[in-house]
């Protein structure tokens, strides 16, 4: 099945996952304690909190996959209603998202952070490999107020690709290695 007129591009998604893995390992290995405590550019998070948030984005992808499989099957109106309910909870979502990264960074840092990312990326690789073309083309409505990369409707393939988009966006906000 074609996605937006193009066949699903699993290889590109696999390559992006590996690019992120290598980059995160490099960032974590080079980050000093002072780097991790420094504020990021344009957010309230520190670099350490942002690194966890960037990793957590891939955990979110993992959790979204069954939702797209579930809500991509019923009628379009069911998926749209579900997204509307989630959009109504945008303000609490942002508060939980912020606090979750603050707390998560206390637990996930250094080698533990990269192990979590490795485990999650390995799972994403395995799941992507077994998805059918039809499944990758299955759409679901999303709460666009939750993330700038969420579109009104996203396919399962776009959800797999979302993790790297989210990572790259936040990667530009890091202030590692700066005075």
Protein backbone atom coordinates (compact mmCIF):
# COMPACT_ATOMS: atom_id res chain seq x y z
CA UNK A 1 0.00 0.00 0.00
CA UNK A 2 1.24 3.49 -0.77
CA UNK A 3 1.53 6.22 1.84
CA UNK A 4 0.72 9.65 0.40
CA UNK A 5 1.30 8.13 -3.04
CA UNK A 6 4.69 6.65 -2.06
CA UNK A 7 5.55 3.15 -0.85
CA UNK A 8 6.40 2.92 2.83
CA UNK A 9 10.06 3.73 3.42
CA UNK A 10 11.08 1.44 6.25
CA UNK A 11 14.77 1.76 5.43
CA UNK A 12 14.75 5.53 5.94
CA UNK A 13 13.03 5.11 9.30
CA UNK A 14 15.57 2.44 10.32
CA UNK A 15 18.43 4.75 9.30
CA UNK A 16 16.95 7.67 11.24
CA UNK A 17 16.59 5.52 14.36
CA UNK A 18 20.25 4.52 14.12
CA UNK A 19 21.38 8.09 13.46
CA UNK A 20 19.57 9.19 16.63
CA UNK A 21 21.06 6.32 18.64
CA UNK A 22 24.63 7.24 17.63
CA UNK A 23 24.02 10.94 18.26
CA UNK A 24 22.51 10.40 21.71
CA UNK A 25 25.37 8.14 22.76
CA UNK A 26 27.83 10.82 21.66
CA UNK A 27 25.93 13.59 23.46
CA UNK A 28 25.69 11.65 26.72
CA UNK A 29 29.33 10.55 26.60
CA UNK A 30 30.59 14.12 26.12
CA UNK A 31 28.23 15.90 28.51
CA UNK A 32 29.77 17.16 31.73
CA UNK A 33 27.87 17.56 34.98
CA UNK A 34 27.85 21.32 34.36
CA UNK A 35 26.49 20.76 30.84
CA UNK A 36 23.64 18.66 32.18
CA UNK A 37 22.65 21.34 34.73
CA UNK A 38 22.70 24.18 32.18
CA UNK A 39 19.39 25.47 30.85
CA UNK A 40 18.41 24.68 27.29
CA UNK A 41 17.69 27.31 24.69
CA UNK A 42 14.01 28.30 24.71
CA UNK A 43 12.66 25.87 27.34
CA UNK A 44 12.50 25.63 31.13
CA UNK A 45 14.37 22.33 31.06
CA UNK A 46 18.04 21.69 31.73
CA UNK A 47 20.09 19.79 29.17
CA UNK A 48 19.82 16.65 31.31
CA UNK A 49 16.03 16.97 31.42
CA UNK A 50 15.93 17.60 27.67
CA UNK A 51 18.02 14.51 26.94
CA UNK A 52 15.49 12.44 28.88
CA UNK A 53 12.61 14.19 27.08
CA UNK A 54 14.21 13.41 23.71
CA UNK A 55 14.54 9.74 24.71
CA UNK A 56 11.03 9.69 26.11
CA UNK A 57 9.73 10.75 22.70
CA UNK A 58 10.64 7.29 21.41
CA UNK A 59 8.81 5.67 24.30
CA UNK A 60 5.79 7.74 23.27
CA UNK A 61 6.10 6.37 19.73
CA UNK A 62 6.10 2.86 21.13
CA UNK A 63 2.88 3.62 23.05
CA UNK A 64 1.22 5.31 20.08
CA UNK A 65 1.61 2.30 17.78
CA UNK A 66 -1.17 0.20 19.37
CA UNK A 67 -3.41 3.28 19.55
CA UNK A 68 -3.07 3.86 15.81
CA UNK A 69 -3.78 0.18 15.19
CA UNK A 70 -6.86 0.37 17.43
CA UNK A 71 -8.29 3.75 16.45
CA UNK A 72 -7.26 3.49 12.83
CA UNK A 73 -9.76 0.67 12.32
CA UNK A 74 -13.11 2.15 13.43
CA UNK A 75 -14.86 4.90 11.62
CA UNK A 76 -13.10 8.19 11.03
CA UNK A 77 -15.54 9.92 13.39
CA UNK A 78 -14.47 7.71 16.32
CA UNK A 79 -10.81 8.60 15.80
CA UNK A 80 -11.70 12.28 15.40
CA UNK A 81 -13.71 12.27 18.66
CA UNK A 82 -10.84 10.59 20.53
CA UNK A 83 -8.41 13.25 19.27
CA UNK A 84 -10.86 16.00 20.31
CA UNK A 85 -11.02 14.61 23.86
CA UNK A 86 -7.22 14.55 24.02
CA UNK A 87 -7.02 18.08 22.62
CA UNK A 88 -9.36 19.25 25.37
CA UNK A 89 -6.73 18.04 27.86
CA UNK A 90 -3.85 19.93 26.23
CA UNK A 91 -3.07 22.16 29.21
CA UNK A 92 -2.79 19.31 31.75
CA UNK A 93 -0.83 17.30 29.17
CA UNK A 94 1.80 20.04 28.88
CA UNK A 95 2.14 20.25 32.67
CA UNK A 96 2.59 16.47 32.97
CA UNK A 97 4.99 16.50 30.00
CA UNK A 98 7.14 19.16 31.68
CA UNK A 99 7.15 17.56 35.13
CA UNK A 100 7.68 14.09 33.69
CA UNK A 101 10.92 15.22 32.08
CA UNK A 102 12.04 16.93 35.27
CA UNK A 103 11.47 13.73 37.23
CA UNK A 104 12.58 11.35 34.51
CA UNK A 105 15.99 13.00 34.28
CA UNK A 106 16.58 12.19 37.95
CA UNK A 107 16.34 8.49 37.12
CA UNK A 108 17.45 8.30 33.49
CA UNK A 109 20.85 9.84 32.85
CA UNK A 110 24.25 8.63 31.68
CA UNK A 111 24.46 4.95 30.73
CA UNK A 112 20.97 4.27 32.06
CA UNK A 113 19.56 6.85 29.63
CA UNK A 114 21.37 5.39 26.63
CA UNK A 115 20.38 1.83 27.61
CA UNK A 116 16.74 2.92 27.71
CA UNK A 117 17.05 4.55 24.30
CA UNK A 118 18.81 1.48 22.88
CA UNK A 119 16.12 -0.85 24.21
CA UNK A 120 13.34 1.33 22.82
CA UNK A 121 14.95 1.76 19.40
CA UNK A 122 15.57 -1.99 19.20
CA UNK A 123 11.86 -2.59 19.85
CA UNK A 124 10.89 -0.01 17.22
CA UNK A 125 13.16 -1.68 14.65
CA UNK A 126 11.62 -5.10 15.33
CA UNK A 127 8.05 -3.82 15.19
CA UNK A 128 8.63 -1.80 12.04
CA UNK A 129 10.05 -4.89 10.31
CA UNK A 130 6.84 -6.88 10.83
CA UNK A 131 4.32 -4.16 9.94
CA UNK A 132 2.34 -4.78 6.79
CA UNK A 133 2.13 -2.09 4.13
CA UNK A 134 -1.58 -1.80 4.89
CA UNK A 135 -0.89 -1.25 8.59
CA UNK A 136 1.73 1.41 7.85
CA UNK A 137 -0.87 3.27 5.81
CA UNK A 138 -3.54 3.14 8.53
CA UNK A 139 -4.46 6.69 9.65
CA UNK A 140 -5.64 8.07 12.97
CA UNK A 141 -6.57 11.57 14.09
CA UNK A 142 -4.15 13.16 16.57
CA UNK A 143 -4.37 15.90 19.23
CA UNK A 144 -2.58 18.66 17.31
CA UNK A 145 -2.33 20.83 20.43
CA UNK A 146 0.00 18.34 22.09
CA UNK A 147 2.98 18.54 19.77
CA UNK A 148 4.03 20.73 16.83
CA UNK A 149 4.75 17.60 14.78
CA UNK A 150 1.33 16.03 15.30
CA UNK A 151 -0.87 16.50 12.27
CA UNK A 152 -4.63 16.19 12.28
CA UNK A 153 -4.27 12.76 10.71
CA UNK A 154 -1.14 10.61 10.84
CA UNK A 155 -0.44 7.16 9.48
CA UNK A 156 1.36 4.47 11.41
CA UNK A 157 4.40 5.10 9.21
CA UNK A 158 4.35 8.79 10.15
CA UNK A 159 4.19 7.84 13.82
CA UNK A 160 7.33 5.72 13.42
CA UNK A 161 9.04 8.73 11.79
CA UNK A 162 7.80 11.16 14.46
CA UNK A 163 10.41 10.11 17.04
CA UNK A 164 13.33 11.38 14.96
CA UNK A 165 11.49 14.62 14.10
CA UNK A 166 10.85 15.26 17.79
CA UNK A 167 14.45 14.41 18.63
CA UNK A 168 15.91 16.70 15.94
CA UNK A 169 13.72 19.63 17.01
CA UNK A 170 14.81 19.40 20.63
CA UNK A 171 18.42 18.63 19.67
CA UNK A 172 18.71 22.25 18.46
CA UNK A 173 17.68 23.49 21.92
CA UNK A 174 20.53 21.78 23.77
CA UNK A 175 23.30 24.00 25.10
CA UNK A 176 25.87 21.28 25.72
CA UNK A 177 29.49 22.36 25.59
CA UNK A 178 28.66 26.05 25.81
CA UNK A 179 29.91 28.36 28.58
